[in-house]
Structures are given as structure tokens and as C-alpha cells.
Amino acid sequence: QLRTTIQVENLGVEPVTVQAHVVAWTANGGEEVQTENDEILLNPPIFSVMPGHQQYVRLGMRKPRPDAVESTFRLILEEVPPPPKPDLNGLRTLLRISVPIFFKPKVSSPHLVWSAKHGADENIVLSVSNSGNAHVQIRKFSVSAADSGEAGFVHSTVSYVLPQGKKEWIIPAKQMVTAGKLVVQAQTDNGDIHEELVPSR
């Protein structure tokens, strides 16, 4: 799909003016990079929304991209500072929202590879990399010693593992540091995952 629409609603009590732009969002191992990009047409780039009202932002690719690998972007919505009020004391917090945008290939085939190693201070470093052609969103995972069956560490997260991307977490695992094998269970938008890992040193 080369076009999409996003609805922005003002739930506040004052009018809000928003400026919007799109950046390319890519990964190279554990590093994620956002760069200015003109591949996405965006309309309108700046708009005002009254309290209780909505504004639709339309997005579309300027031209088709090779569909072998997912294209990933982020829509940045930033509030334009209003004129200061005469009686304002202190600072005003401005809205900034970053929305992920995915243009999926015809055949999505993410491939996650999990690993674990012993870190410093009786911690375990849990890693997951994606050698596939589409992202995976990890929503929650747990880590436990295989012989105990009880989850020693549970973590709720909203983490995107992009193609060629990698994520790492430091697991405080004093009760698991001597375990010969760990069990990782994760909930993702690509299904549930069950992995058994032997931590390396």
C-alpha cells in the first residue's frame, strides 16, 4: 500500500497548531538512524486543530520502491509554540509525537535470532537481531531458568526490531546467573516466541 491516512485529534481545551514531517528510519545493527527524507508526500505539513476536533494527515510514496525489503519511516508531529500569554509563569510543555510508518513488502518474512551472554555484576545481556525483510514489534518478554520454570524477569516493552536491526536488554539475573539454560518467551506482532538459550561468556 503506497498511501495511508492518519487522524490527529485534539483532546485539550485550547487550539493546537502542529507541524508535520517524515524522516527515514533505518537500522544498522544496534544503531537506529533517522534522516531527513523526501520520499513521502505529506499533506498538510502544518495545520491547526480546534479542541474536540480532528485533522487527517495524508501520506503517500512519491514513487514505488523495491518491494523486497520493508520501507520504514517515522512521522514527526511537533506543536508550534503559541504566542506567550501575559500571565504565563514557568515553562510550557510542547507536544512532540513520533509515529512509525511501515510500507511492507509483498511477502513479509522477518527472522529473529536470540542470544544471551553473561555480563558484568551478575547480569545477563539478552540480544535479538533481525535478518529478515520486515520489522517485528516485541510487546512483552520473560526470561527464566530452564530448570525452575518460574519467570525470573518480566519486561513489558514496545520495541521495534527493524530489518538488519538489533536490540539488547540488561537482565538483572542473580537467581539465573548459574543456570545452564535460559527460557525466553516473548509476545510479538508476528506471534508468540519460545526460545531456549545457553548464555555464552
Foldseek 3Di string as FASTA:
>chain_A
DFKDKDKDAAQDQAKWKKAKAKWWWDAAAADIDTHHDDQKDKPPRMDIHHHGGMDMIMIGGPDDDPQQAKTKMKMWIWTDDDPDDPPDDDDDDIDIDIHIDIDHHPDWDWDKDWAWAQDPPLKIKIKIATQTRAKKWWAKKFKDQPVPPDGPDIDGDGDIHGHNYMDIDIGNCNVCSPRQKMWMWTQIPVGIDIDIYGHHD
